[in-house]
Amino acid sequence: MSDISDDEIRRVLRESEVWAVVGLGGDPYRAAFGVSRFLQNQGKRIVPVHPSGATVHGEPGYRSLADIPFDVDVVDVFRRADQAGGVADEALARPEVGTVWFQLGVVDHAAAERVRAAGRTMVMDRCPAIEWPRLLG
């Protein structure tokens, strides 16, 4: 688990509005598909980020974080741990991104340290679809 307090996760869940979901393509059997739908149902705007650039849940997709032409609050990473650090670095290149969120099973301590050293919030090895009901009812 990440070393972040429940209060900090609660703040991210409450205050963030735009979630770039890296690894979200059109496959309804992938975890990113269901989690992003959950986030939409909580009033969040999701932004699919996938090499296909597919539209998912009615939201146009982008091939990379750099291609998104508007501000993003959270970068939610559904990629293997060996690729997550690169995504974290791409997120850090966007000054408006306040939080990098690595999904369950995605652990990269060096990337987490880079995110924290940049003054951003890091959530690692957690899922917002689990944390939301646990912390916000």
C-alpha atoms as a PDB file:
ATOM      1  CA  MET A   1       0.000   0.000   0.000  1.00  0.00           C
ATOM      2  CA  SER A   2       1.036   3.570  -0.508  1.00  0.00           C
ATOM      3  CA  ASP A   3       2.106   5.616   2.471  1.00  0.00           C
ATOM      4  CA  ILE A   4      -0.625   8.236   2.220  1.00  0.00           C
ATOM      5  CA  SER A   5      -3.263   9.074   4.786  1.00  0.00           C
ATOM      6  CA  ASP A   6      -6.946   8.379   4.371  1.00  0.00           C
ATOM      7  CA  ASP A   7      -7.551  12.123   4.766  1.00  0.00           C
ATOM      8  CA  GLU A   8      -5.287  12.863   1.804  1.00  0.00           C
ATOM      9  CA  ILE A   9      -7.007  10.259  -0.381  1.00  0.00           C
ATOM     10  CA  ARG A  10     -10.384  11.632   0.706  1.00  0.00           C
ATOM     11  CA  ARG A  11      -9.235  15.121  -0.347  1.00  0.00           C
ATOM     12  CA  VAL A  12      -8.140  13.883  -3.775  1.00  0.00           C
ATOM     13  CA  LEU A  13     -11.439  12.081  -4.319  1.00  0.00           C
ATOM     14  CA  ARG A  14     -13.504  15.100  -3.260  1.00  0.00           C
ATOM     15  CA  GLU A  15     -11.560  17.931  -4.876  1.00  0.00           C
ATOM     16  CA  SER A  16     -10.395  16.488  -8.200  1.00  0.00           C
ATOM     17  CA  GLU A  17     -12.579  16.922 -11.256  1.00  0.00           C
ATOM     18  CA  VAL A  18     -10.662  15.735 -14.337  1.00  0.00           C
ATOM     19  CA  TRP A  19      -9.063  12.278 -14.323  1.00  0.00           C
ATOM     20  CA  ALA A  20      -6.793  11.221 -17.183  1.00  0.00           C
ATOM     21  CA  VAL A  21      -7.020   7.428 -17.190  1.00  0.00           C
ATOM     22  CA  VAL A  22      -3.854   6.042 -18.765  1.00  0.00           C
ATOM     23  CA  GLY A  23      -4.497   2.624 -20.257  1.00  0.00           C
ATOM     24  CA  LEU A  24      -8.223   3.221 -20.833  1.00  0.00           C
ATOM     25  CA  GLY A  25      -9.225   1.806 -24.182  1.00  0.00           C
ATOM     26  CA  GLY A  26     -12.517   0.431 -25.410  1.00  0.00           C
ATOM     27  CA  ASP A  27     -12.237  -3.080 -23.933  1.00  0.00           C
ATOM     28  CA  PRO A  28     -15.097  -3.492 -21.429  1.00  0.00           C
ATOM     29  CA  TYR A  29     -13.303  -6.438 -19.797  1.00  0.00           C
ATOM     30  CA  ARG A  30     -10.351  -4.338 -18.618  1.00  0.00           C
ATOM     31  CA  ALA A  31     -10.331  -2.865 -15.106  1.00  0.00           C
ATOM     32  CA  ALA A  32      -9.785   0.664 -16.433  1.00  0.00           C
ATOM     33  CA  PHE A  33     -13.131   0.499 -18.241  1.00  0.00           C
ATOM     34  CA  GLY A  34     -15.146  -0.220 -15.083  1.00  0.00           C
ATOM     35  CA  VAL A  35     -13.185   2.102 -12.811  1.00  0.00           C
ATOM     36  CA  SER A  36     -13.514   5.005 -15.230  1.00  0.00           C
ATOM     37  CA  ARG A  37     -17.286   4.394 -15.451  1.00  0.00           C
ATOM     38  CA  PHE A  38     -17.381   4.432 -11.637  1.00  0.00           C
ATOM     39  CA  LEU A  39     -15.543   7.780 -11.600  1.00  0.00           C
ATOM     40  CA  GLN A  40     -17.982   9.204 -14.152  1.00  0.00           C
ATOM     41  CA  ASN A  41     -20.868   8.085 -11.975  1.00  0.00           C
ATOM     42  CA  GLN A  42     -19.319  10.076  -9.114  1.00  0.00           C
ATOM     43  CA  GLY A  43     -19.358  13.223 -11.284  1.00  0.00           C
ATOM     44  CA  LYS A  44     -15.747  13.118 -12.479  1.00  0.00           C
ATOM     45  CA  ARG A  45     -14.736  13.856 -16.059  1.00  0.00           C
ATOM     46  CA  ILE A  46     -12.633  10.999 -17.371  1.00  0.00           C
ATOM     47  CA  VAL A  47     -10.132  11.364 -20.188  1.00  0.00           C
ATOM     48  CA  PRO A  48      -9.109   8.136 -21.933  1.00  0.00           C
ATOM     49  CA  VAL A  49      -5.367   7.933 -22.662  1.00  0.00           C
ATOM     50  CA  HIS A  50      -4.480   4.982 -24.860  1.00  0.00           C
ATOM     51  CA  PRO A  51      -2.390   4.430 -28.004  1.00  0.00           C
ATOM     52  CA  SER A  52      -5.656   3.889 -29.942  1.00  0.00           C
ATOM     53  CA  GLY A  53      -7.022   7.300 -28.904  1.00  0.00           C
ATOM     54  CA  ALA A  54     -10.439   5.614 -28.636  1.00  0.00           C
ATOM     55  CA  THR A  55     -13.551   7.385 -27.384  1.00  0.00           C
ATOM     56  CA  VAL A  56     -14.686   5.644 -24.182  1.00  0.00           C
ATOM     57  CA  HIS A  57     -17.824   6.319 -22.134  1.00  0.00           C
ATOM     58  CA  GLY A  58     -18.599   9.198 -24.508  1.00  0.00           C
ATOM     59  CA  GLU A  59     -15.285  10.956 -23.834  1.00  0.00           C
ATOM     60  CA  PRO A  60     -12.804  11.448 -26.685  1.00  0.00           C
ATOM     61  CA  GLY A  61      -9.495   9.710 -26.135  1.00  0.00           C
ATOM     62  CA  TYR A  62      -5.930  10.920 -26.554  1.00  0.00           C
ATOM     63  CA  ARG A  63      -2.834   8.971 -27.514  1.00  0.00           C
ATOM     64  CA  SER A  64      -0.702  10.520 -24.746  1.00  0.00           C
ATOM     65  CA  LEU A  65      -0.939  12.827 -21.747  1.00  0.00           C
ATOM     66  CA  ALA A  66       0.881  15.502 -23.745  1.00  0.00           C
ATOM     67  CA  ASP A  67      -1.924  15.486 -26.328  1.00  0.00           C
ATOM     68  CA  ILE A  68      -4.649  16.501 -23.858  1.00  0.00           C
ATOM     69  CA  PRO A  69      -5.433  20.185 -24.628  1.00  0.00           C
ATOM     70  CA  PHE A  70      -6.928  21.071 -21.238  1.00  0.00           C
ATOM     71  CA  ASP A  71      -5.996  20.797 -17.562  1.00  0.00           C
ATOM     72  CA  VAL A  72      -6.021  17.470 -15.738  1.00  0.00           C
ATOM     73  CA  ASP A  73      -6.208  17.060 -11.952  1.00  0.00           C
ATOM     74  CA  VAL A  74      -5.335  13.371 -11.555  1.00  0.00           C
ATOM     75  CA  VAL A  75      -3.392  10.955 -13.740  1.00  0.00           C
ATOM     76  CA  ASP A  76      -4.730   7.470 -12.957  1.00  0.00           C
ATOM     77  CA  VAL A  77      -2.315   4.805 -14.212  1.00  0.00           C
ATOM     78  CA  PHE A  78      -3.479   1.394 -15.442  1.00  0.00           C
ATOM     79  CA  ARG A  79      -0.123   0.236 -16.793  1.00  0.00           C
ATOM     80  CA  ARG A  80       2.350  -2.392 -15.680  1.00  0.00           C
ATOM     81  CA  ALA A  81       4.689  -1.308 -12.906  1.00  0.00           C
ATOM     82  CA  ASP A  82       7.678  -1.317 -15.276  1.00  0.00           C
ATOM     83  CA  GLN A  83       5.924   1.312 -17.413  1.00  0.00           C
ATOM     84  CA  ALA A  84       4.342   3.369 -14.638  1.00  0.00           C
ATOM     85  CA  GLY A  85       7.437   5.455 -13.894  1.00  0.00           C
ATOM     86  CA  GLY A  86       7.481   6.804 -17.429  1.00  0.00           C
ATOM     87  CA  VAL A  87       3.827   7.758 -17.112  1.00  0.00           C
ATOM     88  CA  ALA A  88       4.547   9.491 -13.798  1.00  0.00           C
ATOM     89  CA  ASP A  89       7.290  11.500 -15.496  1.00  0.00           C
ATOM     90  CA  GLU A  90       4.864  12.493 -18.272  1.00  0.00           C
ATOM     91  CA  ALA A  91       2.389  13.597 -15.599  1.00  0.00           C
ATOM     92  CA  LEU A  92       5.074  15.681 -13.891  1.00  0.00           C
ATOM     93  CA  ALA A  93       5.673  17.483 -17.199  1.00  0.00           C
ATOM     94  CA  ARG A  94       2.155  18.906 -16.809  1.00  0.00           C
ATOM     95  CA  PRO A  95       2.316  21.508 -14.016  1.00  0.00           C
ATOM     96  CA  GLU A  96      -1.431  21.426 -13.316  1.00  0.00           C
ATOM     97  CA  VAL A  97      -1.487  17.711 -12.418  1.00  0.00           C
ATOM     98  CA  GLY A  98      -1.792  17.558  -8.642  1.00  0.00           C
ATOM     99  CA  THR A  99      -2.016  13.801  -8.173  1.00  0.00           C
ATOM    100  CA  VAL A 100      -0.532  10.702  -9.753  1.00  0.00           C
ATOM    101  CA  TRP A 101      -2.508   7.575  -8.875  1.00  0.00           C
ATOM    102  CA  PHE A 102      -1.073   4.094  -9.484  1.00  0.00           C
ATOM    103  CA  GLN A 103      -3.743   1.397  -9.526  1.00  0.00           C
ATOM    104  CA  LEU A 104      -3.785  -1.837  -7.520  1.00  0.00           C
ATOM    105  CA  GLY A 105      -0.657  -3.864  -8.176  1.00  0.00           C
ATOM    106  CA  VAL A 106       1.189  -0.919  -9.726  1.00  0.00           C
ATOM    107  CA  VAL A 107       4.170  -0.192  -7.488  1.00  0.00           C
ATOM    108  CA  ASP A 108       7.213   1.878  -8.404  1.00  0.00           C
ATOM    109  CA  HIS A 109       8.827   3.432  -5.341  1.00  0.00           C
ATOM    110  CA  ALA A 110      11.361   5.468  -7.329  1.00  0.00           C
ATOM    111  CA  ALA A 111       8.573   7.042  -9.399  1.00  0.00           C
ATOM    112  CA  ALA A 112       6.591   7.735  -6.231  1.00  0.00           C
ATOM    113  CA  GLU A 113       9.571   9.562  -4.758  1.00  0.00           C
ATOM    114  CA  ARG A 114       9.927  11.690  -7.914  1.00  0.00           C
ATOM    115  CA  VAL A 115       6.257  12.633  -7.706  1.00  0.00           C
ATOM    116  CA  ARG A 116       6.499  13.551  -4.014  1.00  0.00           C
ATOM    117  CA  ALA A 117       9.780  15.439  -4.559  1.00  0.00           C
ATOM    118  CA  ALA A 118       7.956  17.546  -7.159  1.00  0.00           C
ATOM    119  CA  GLY A 119       5.409  18.512  -4.503  1.00  0.00           C
ATOM    120  CA  ARG A 120       2.594  16.430  -5.957  1.00  0.00           C
ATOM    121  CA  THR A 121       0.356  13.858  -4.289  1.00  0.00           C
ATOM    122  CA  MET A 122       1.171  10.193  -4.939  1.00  0.00           C
ATOM    123  CA  VAL A 123      -1.307   7.360  -4.418  1.00  0.00           C
ATOM    124  CA  MET A 124       0.107   3.914  -5.100  1.00  0.00           C
ATOM    125  CA  ASP A 125      -1.352   0.389  -5.197  1.00  0.00           C
ATOM    126  CA  ARG A 126      -4.923   1.558  -4.614  1.00  0.00           C
ATOM    127  CA  CYS A 127      -8.137   1.883  -6.601  1.00  0.00           C
ATOM    128  CA  PRO A 128     -10.524   4.859  -6.418  1.00  0.00           C
ATOM    129  CA  ALA A 129     -13.500   2.519  -6.904  1.00  0.00           C
ATOM    130  CA  ILE A 130     -12.496   0.811  -3.637  1.00  0.00           C
ATOM    131  CA  GLU A 131     -11.345   3.914  -1.760  1.00  0.00           C
ATOM    132  CA  TRP A 132     -14.456   5.963  -2.578  1.00  0.00           C
ATOM    133  CA  PRO A 133     -16.990   3.728  -0.773  1.00  0.00           C
ATOM    134  CA  ARG A 134     -14.511   3.047   2.027  1.00  0.00           C
ATOM    135  CA  LEU A 135     -13.769   6.736   2.716  1.00  0.00           C
ATOM    136  CA  LEU A 136     -16.782   8.650   1.399  1.00  0.00           C
ATOM    137  CA  GLY A 137     -19.559   6.115   1.946  1.00  0.00           C
END
